[in-house]
């Protein structure tokens, strides 16, 4: 937050799961636009079949609008499925969180091995 108590400009990436496979990207964008500007939206598709994999991502440049969209669209029945919508983890953060415990376990194994060799 800045000195005025406002959230700094930040594009918020949103994970959209459980998308009915018959829904199109423009239909998803239409729902998000009810809450503010959408800078991008992608429904992930299978490379071989071109069919939706049932999840995607949206980006909204206004934090408050993005949070409102997440709040209102999570659990919304669209087609035959209820959407599951939340903030997406950034790839660098997710990779770091996954890597640290593994590195810690490796270091612990090496310490145990070293102590046995003494």
N, C-alpha and C. Protein backbone atom coordinates (compact mmCIF):
# COMPACT_ATOMS: atom_id res chain seq x y z
N UNK A 1 0.84 -1.18 0.00
CA UNK A 1 0.00 0.00 0.00
C UNK A 1 0.89 1.24 0.00
N UNK A 2 0.39 2.30 -0.63
CA UNK A 2 1.16 3.54 -0.64
C UNK A 2 0.77 4.41 0.55
N UNK A 3 1.33 5.64 0.61
CA UNK A 3 1.09 6.54 1.73
C UNK A 3 -0.38 6.92 1.90
N UNK A 4 -1.15 6.83 0.83
CA UNK A 4 -2.56 7.21 0.89
C UNK A 4 -3.45 6.02 1.25
N UNK A 5 -2.83 4.86 1.51
CA UNK A 5 -3.61 3.68 1.87
C UNK A 5 -4.22 2.99 0.67
N UNK A 6 -3.72 3.30 -0.52
CA UNK A 6 -4.25 2.68 -1.73
C UNK A 6 -3.29 1.60 -2.21
N UNK A 7 -3.86 0.60 -2.85
CA UNK A 7 -3.06 -0.47 -3.42
C UNK A 7 -2.31 0.08 -4.63
N UNK A 8 -0.98 -0.16 -4.73
CA UNK A 8 -0.24 0.34 -5.89
C UNK A 8 -0.72 -0.33 -7.17
N UNK A 9 -0.44 0.32 -8.32
CA UNK A 9 -0.83 -0.25 -9.61
C UNK A 9 -0.18 -1.61 -9.76
N UNK A 10 -0.97 -2.58 -10.04
CA UNK A 10 -0.46 -3.94 -10.15
C UNK A 10 -1.46 -4.74 -10.96
N UNK A 11 -0.97 -5.37 -12.02
CA UNK A 11 -1.84 -6.25 -12.79
C UNK A 11 -1.99 -7.54 -11.98
N UNK A 12 -3.21 -7.91 -11.72
CA UNK A 12 -3.47 -9.10 -10.92
C UNK A 12 -3.86 -10.24 -11.86
N UNK A 13 -3.11 -11.33 -11.79
CA UNK A 13 -3.44 -12.50 -12.60
C UNK A 13 -4.38 -13.39 -11.79
N UNK A 14 -5.44 -13.82 -12.45
CA UNK A 14 -6.51 -14.58 -11.81
C UNK A 14 -6.59 -15.96 -12.44
N UNK A 15 -6.64 -16.98 -11.61
CA UNK A 15 -6.81 -18.36 -12.06
C UNK A 15 -8.28 -18.69 -12.08
N UNK A 16 -8.76 -19.20 -13.21
CA UNK A 16 -10.16 -19.58 -13.36
C UNK A 16 -10.19 -21.09 -13.60
N UNK A 17 -10.79 -21.82 -12.70
CA UNK A 17 -10.85 -23.28 -12.82
C UNK A 17 -12.29 -23.73 -12.96
N UNK A 18 -12.43 -24.97 -13.39
CA UNK A 18 -13.74 -25.62 -13.52
C UNK A 18 -14.62 -24.90 -14.55
N UNK A 19 -14.00 -24.46 -15.64
CA UNK A 19 -14.77 -23.81 -16.71
C UNK A 19 -15.47 -24.87 -17.53
N UNK A 20 -16.76 -24.71 -17.71
CA UNK A 20 -17.52 -25.61 -18.57
C UNK A 20 -16.85 -25.61 -19.95
N UNK A 21 -16.57 -26.77 -20.48
CA UNK A 21 -15.81 -26.87 -21.72
C UNK A 21 -16.53 -26.30 -22.95
N UNK A 22 -17.81 -26.03 -22.82
CA UNK A 22 -18.54 -25.44 -23.94
C UNK A 22 -18.44 -23.91 -23.95
N UNK A 23 -17.95 -23.31 -22.84
CA UNK A 23 -17.84 -21.85 -22.78
C UNK A 23 -16.65 -21.36 -23.59
N UNK A 24 -16.82 -20.20 -24.20
CA UNK A 24 -15.76 -19.61 -25.01
C UNK A 24 -15.03 -18.52 -24.22
N UNK A 25 -13.87 -18.16 -24.71
CA UNK A 25 -13.09 -17.10 -24.09
C UNK A 25 -13.88 -15.78 -24.04
N UNK A 26 -14.54 -15.35 -25.12
CA UNK A 26 -15.33 -14.11 -25.04
C UNK A 26 -16.43 -14.16 -23.98
N UNK A 27 -17.01 -15.32 -23.76
CA UNK A 27 -18.04 -15.44 -22.73
C UNK A 27 -17.43 -15.25 -21.33
N UNK A 28 -16.25 -15.78 -21.11
CA UNK A 28 -15.57 -15.62 -19.83
C UNK A 28 -15.22 -14.14 -19.63
N UNK A 29 -14.65 -13.51 -20.66
CA UNK A 29 -14.28 -12.09 -20.58
C UNK A 29 -15.49 -11.24 -20.24
N UNK A 30 -16.61 -11.55 -20.84
CA UNK A 30 -17.85 -10.80 -20.61
C UNK A 30 -18.20 -10.78 -19.12
N UNK A 31 -18.04 -11.88 -18.44
CA UNK A 31 -18.36 -11.94 -17.01
C UNK A 31 -17.37 -11.12 -16.18
N UNK A 32 -16.09 -11.17 -16.54
CA UNK A 32 -15.09 -10.40 -15.80
C UNK A 32 -15.25 -8.90 -16.04
N UNK A 33 -15.65 -8.51 -17.24
CA UNK A 33 -15.80 -7.08 -17.56
C UNK A 33 -16.91 -6.42 -16.75
N UNK A 34 -17.80 -7.18 -16.18
CA UNK A 34 -18.84 -6.61 -15.32
C UNK A 34 -18.22 -5.93 -14.10
N UNK A 35 -16.98 -6.31 -13.77
CA UNK A 35 -16.33 -5.80 -12.57
C UNK A 35 -15.18 -4.84 -12.87
N UNK A 36 -14.84 -4.67 -14.13
CA UNK A 36 -13.76 -3.75 -14.47
C UNK A 36 -13.05 -4.14 -15.75
N UNK A 37 -11.95 -3.44 -16.01
CA UNK A 37 -11.18 -3.65 -17.23
C UNK A 37 -10.43 -4.98 -17.16
N UNK A 38 -10.46 -5.72 -18.26
CA UNK A 38 -9.74 -6.98 -18.37
C UNK A 38 -8.64 -6.77 -19.40
N UNK A 39 -7.38 -6.91 -18.99
CA UNK A 39 -6.28 -6.67 -19.93
C UNK A 39 -5.97 -7.91 -20.76
N UNK A 40 -6.29 -9.10 -20.25
CA UNK A 40 -6.13 -10.32 -21.06
C UNK A 40 -6.94 -11.45 -20.44
N UNK A 41 -7.24 -12.41 -21.27
CA UNK A 41 -7.95 -13.61 -20.81
C UNK A 41 -7.59 -14.75 -21.75
N UNK A 42 -7.25 -15.89 -21.16
CA UNK A 42 -6.88 -17.06 -21.95
C UNK A 42 -7.57 -18.28 -21.36
N UNK A 43 -8.26 -19.03 -22.20
CA UNK A 43 -8.79 -20.33 -21.81
C UNK A 43 -7.80 -21.35 -22.37
N UNK A 44 -7.19 -22.16 -21.51
CA UNK A 44 -6.17 -23.10 -21.93
C UNK A 44 -6.82 -24.24 -22.70
N UNK A 45 -6.21 -24.56 -23.86
CA UNK A 45 -6.75 -25.60 -24.73
C UNK A 45 -5.73 -26.71 -24.96
N UNK A 46 -6.23 -27.90 -25.19
CA UNK A 46 -5.39 -29.04 -25.52
C UNK A 46 -4.76 -28.81 -26.88
N UNK A 47 -3.46 -29.01 -26.98
CA UNK A 47 -2.76 -28.76 -28.24
C UNK A 47 -3.23 -29.66 -29.37
N UNK A 48 -3.53 -30.90 -29.06
CA UNK A 48 -3.92 -31.86 -30.10
C UNK A 48 -5.36 -31.70 -30.56
N UNK A 49 -6.27 -31.53 -29.59
CA UNK A 49 -7.70 -31.51 -29.94
C UNK A 49 -8.26 -30.09 -30.09
N UNK A 50 -7.60 -29.11 -29.49
CA UNK A 50 -8.12 -27.75 -29.52
C UNK A 50 -9.27 -27.53 -28.55
N UNK A 51 -9.59 -28.54 -27.76
CA UNK A 51 -10.68 -28.45 -26.79
C UNK A 51 -10.19 -27.78 -25.50
N UNK A 52 -11.07 -27.09 -24.83
CA UNK A 52 -10.76 -26.44 -23.56
C UNK A 52 -10.33 -27.48 -22.54
N UNK A 53 -9.34 -27.13 -21.73
CA UNK A 53 -8.92 -28.01 -20.64
C UNK A 53 -9.69 -27.70 -19.35
N UNK A 54 -10.58 -26.71 -19.41
CA UNK A 54 -11.42 -26.41 -18.26
C UNK A 54 -10.83 -25.41 -17.29
N UNK A 55 -9.75 -24.75 -17.68
CA UNK A 55 -9.21 -23.70 -16.82
C UNK A 55 -8.57 -22.62 -17.68
N UNK A 56 -8.32 -21.48 -17.05
CA UNK A 56 -7.72 -20.38 -17.79
C UNK A 56 -7.25 -19.29 -16.84
N UNK A 57 -6.85 -18.17 -17.43
CA UNK A 57 -6.32 -17.05 -16.66
C UNK A 57 -6.90 -15.76 -17.20
N UNK A 58 -7.12 -14.82 -16.31
CA UNK A 58 -7.51 -13.46 -16.69
C UNK A 58 -6.57 -12.51 -15.96
N UNK A 59 -6.34 -11.36 -16.58
CA UNK A 59 -5.54 -10.32 -15.93
C UNK A 59 -6.36 -9.05 -15.87
N UNK A 60 -6.38 -8.44 -14.70
CA UNK A 60 -7.09 -7.18 -14.50
C UNK A 60 -6.12 -6.18 -13.90
N UNK A 61 -6.02 -4.97 -14.47
CA UNK A 61 -5.04 -4.00 -14.00
C UNK A 61 -5.41 -3.27 -12.71
N UNK A 62 -6.66 -3.32 -12.30
CA UNK A 62 -7.08 -2.64 -11.08
C UNK A 62 -7.29 -3.68 -9.99
N UNK A 63 -6.52 -3.55 -8.91
CA UNK A 63 -6.54 -4.53 -7.83
C UNK A 63 -7.94 -4.69 -7.23
N UNK A 64 -8.58 -3.58 -6.90
CA UNK A 64 -9.90 -3.64 -6.26
C UNK A 64 -10.94 -4.29 -7.17
N UNK A 65 -10.90 -3.94 -8.45
CA UNK A 65 -11.84 -4.55 -9.40
C UNK A 65 -11.57 -6.05 -9.53
N UNK A 66 -10.30 -6.41 -9.56
CA UNK A 66 -9.95 -7.83 -9.67
C UNK A 66 -10.43 -8.61 -8.45
N UNK A 67 -10.23 -8.05 -7.27
CA UNK A 67 -10.66 -8.73 -6.06
C UNK A 67 -12.18 -8.87 -6.01
N UNK A 68 -12.89 -7.85 -6.48
CA UNK A 68 -14.36 -7.92 -6.54
C UNK A 68 -14.80 -9.01 -7.52
N UNK A 69 -14.13 -9.08 -8.67
CA UNK A 69 -14.45 -10.12 -9.66
C UNK A 69 -14.23 -11.51 -9.07
N UNK A 70 -13.11 -11.68 -8.36
CA UNK A 70 -12.82 -12.97 -7.74
C UNK A 70 -13.92 -13.33 -6.74
N UNK A 71 -14.26 -12.38 -5.91
CA UNK A 71 -15.28 -12.59 -4.87
C UNK A 71 -16.63 -12.96 -5.48
N UNK A 72 -17.03 -12.23 -6.52
CA UNK A 72 -18.36 -12.43 -7.11
C UNK A 72 -18.44 -13.64 -8.04
N UNK A 73 -17.35 -13.95 -8.75
CA UNK A 73 -17.40 -15.02 -9.75
C UNK A 73 -17.06 -16.39 -9.17
N UNK A 74 -16.36 -16.44 -8.06
CA UNK A 74 -16.05 -17.72 -7.45
C UNK A 74 -17.35 -18.40 -7.00
N UNK A 75 -17.58 -19.59 -7.51
CA UNK A 75 -18.80 -20.33 -7.18
C UNK A 75 -19.96 -20.06 -8.12
N UNK A 76 -19.78 -19.15 -9.09
CA UNK A 76 -20.85 -18.84 -10.04
C UNK A 76 -21.11 -20.03 -10.97
N UNK A 77 -22.36 -20.40 -11.10
CA UNK A 77 -22.74 -21.48 -12.01
C UNK A 77 -22.74 -20.95 -13.43
N UNK A 78 -21.85 -21.47 -14.28
CA UNK A 78 -21.81 -21.12 -15.70
C UNK A 78 -21.87 -22.40 -16.49
N UNK A 79 -22.91 -22.56 -17.25
CA UNK A 79 -23.10 -23.83 -17.95
C UNK A 79 -23.37 -24.91 -16.93
N UNK A 80 -22.65 -26.02 -17.06
CA UNK A 80 -22.87 -27.14 -16.14
C UNK A 80 -21.91 -27.15 -14.96
N UNK A 81 -21.07 -26.11 -14.84
CA UNK A 81 -20.05 -26.10 -13.79
C UNK A 81 -20.10 -24.82 -12.97
N UNK A 82 -19.64 -24.94 -11.72
CA UNK A 82 -19.46 -23.76 -10.87
C UNK A 82 -18.00 -23.34 -10.99
N UNK A 83 -17.77 -22.09 -11.36
CA UNK A 83 -16.40 -21.59 -11.49
C UNK A 83 -15.70 -21.59 -10.14
N UNK A 84 -14.41 -21.83 -10.17
CA UNK A 84 -13.55 -21.65 -9.00
C UNK A 84 -12.53 -20.59 -9.41
N UNK A 85 -12.58 -19.46 -8.76
CA UNK A 85 -11.79 -18.30 -9.16
C UNK A 85 -10.96 -17.82 -7.97
N UNK A 86 -9.66 -17.59 -8.22
CA UNK A 86 -8.78 -17.09 -7.16
C UNK A 86 -7.57 -16.40 -7.77
N UNK A 87 -6.82 -15.69 -6.94
CA UNK A 87 -5.57 -15.08 -7.40
C UNK A 87 -4.63 -16.19 -7.82
N UNK A 88 -3.98 -16.00 -8.96
CA UNK A 88 -3.01 -16.98 -9.43
C UNK A 88 -1.68 -16.74 -8.72
N UNK A 89 -0.99 -17.80 -8.39
CA UNK A 89 0.36 -17.67 -7.84
C UNK A 89 1.29 -17.31 -8.99
N UNK A 90 2.18 -16.39 -8.75
CA UNK A 90 3.14 -16.06 -9.81
C UNK A 90 4.11 -17.20 -9.94
N UNK A 91 4.57 -17.45 -11.15
CA UNK A 91 5.41 -18.62 -11.40
C UNK A 91 6.71 -18.57 -10.61
N UNK A 92 7.34 -17.40 -10.46
CA UNK A 92 8.60 -17.35 -9.73
C UNK A 92 8.38 -17.63 -8.25
N UNK A 93 7.29 -17.14 -7.68
CA UNK A 93 6.99 -17.42 -6.28
C UNK A 93 6.68 -18.90 -6.10
N UNK A 94 5.86 -19.45 -6.98
CA UNK A 94 5.48 -20.86 -6.87
C UNK A 94 6.72 -21.75 -6.98
N UNK A 95 7.61 -21.45 -7.92
CA UNK A 95 8.81 -22.25 -8.08
C UNK A 95 9.69 -22.16 -6.85
N UNK A 96 9.84 -20.95 -6.29
CA UNK A 96 10.68 -20.77 -5.11
C UNK A 96 10.11 -21.53 -3.92
N UNK A 97 8.78 -21.47 -3.74
CA UNK A 97 8.16 -22.16 -2.62
C UNK A 97 8.34 -23.67 -2.75
N UNK A 98 8.27 -24.19 -3.96
CA UNK A 98 8.44 -25.63 -4.17
C UNK A 98 9.90 -26.04 -3.99
N UNK A 99 10.82 -25.17 -4.39
CA UNK A 99 12.23 -25.51 -4.38
C UNK A 99 12.82 -25.48 -2.97
N UNK A 100 12.45 -24.53 -2.15
CA UNK A 100 13.08 -24.38 -0.84
C UNK A 100 12.95 -25.61 0.04
N UNK A 101 11.77 -26.20 0.19
CA UNK A 101 11.69 -27.40 1.04
C UNK A 101 12.56 -28.54 0.51
N UNK A 102 12.61 -28.70 -0.81
CA UNK A 102 13.42 -29.74 -1.41
C UNK A 102 14.90 -29.51 -1.09
N UNK A 103 15.35 -28.26 -1.23
CA UNK A 103 16.74 -27.92 -0.92
C UNK A 103 17.04 -28.16 0.55
N UNK A 104 16.10 -27.79 1.41
CA UNK A 104 16.29 -28.01 2.84
C UNK A 104 16.40 -29.50 3.15
N UNK A 105 15.58 -30.33 2.52
CA UNK A 105 15.64 -31.78 2.73
C UNK A 105 16.99 -32.34 2.25
N UNK A 106 17.44 -31.85 1.09
CA UNK A 106 18.71 -32.31 0.54
C UNK A 106 19.85 -31.95 1.49
N UNK A 107 19.84 -30.71 1.98
CA UNK A 107 20.88 -30.27 2.90
C UNK A 107 20.85 -31.09 4.19
N UNK A 108 19.66 -31.40 4.68
CA UNK A 108 19.53 -32.21 5.90
C UNK A 108 20.09 -33.62 5.65
N UNK A 109 19.81 -34.21 4.49
CA UNK A 109 20.36 -35.53 4.16
C UNK A 109 21.88 -35.49 4.11
N UNK A 110 22.43 -34.42 3.51
CA UNK A 110 23.88 -34.29 3.41
C UNK A 110 24.51 -34.14 4.80
N UNK A 111 23.86 -33.38 5.69
CA UNK A 111 24.38 -33.23 7.05
C UNK A 111 24.38 -34.57 7.79
N UNK A 112 23.29 -35.35 7.63
CA UNK A 112 23.22 -36.66 8.28
C UNK A 112 24.30 -37.59 7.74
N UNK A 113 24.49 -37.57 6.42
CA UNK A 113 25.50 -38.41 5.79
C UNK A 113 26.89 -38.02 6.27
N UNK A 114 27.15 -36.72 6.34
CA UNK A 114 28.44 -36.24 6.81
C UNK A 114 28.69 -36.65 8.25
N UNK A 115 27.66 -36.58 9.10
CA UNK A 115 27.84 -36.93 10.52
C UNK A 115 28.10 -38.43 10.68
N UNK A 116 27.55 -39.27 9.81
CA UNK A 116 27.79 -40.72 9.87
C UNK A 116 29.21 -41.06 9.43
N UNK A 117 29.72 -40.30 8.49
CA UNK A 117 31.05 -40.58 7.96
C UNK A 117 32.16 -40.23 8.94
N UNK A 118 31.86 -39.39 9.93
CA UNK A 118 32.89 -38.97 10.91
C UNK A 118 33.19 -40.01 11.90
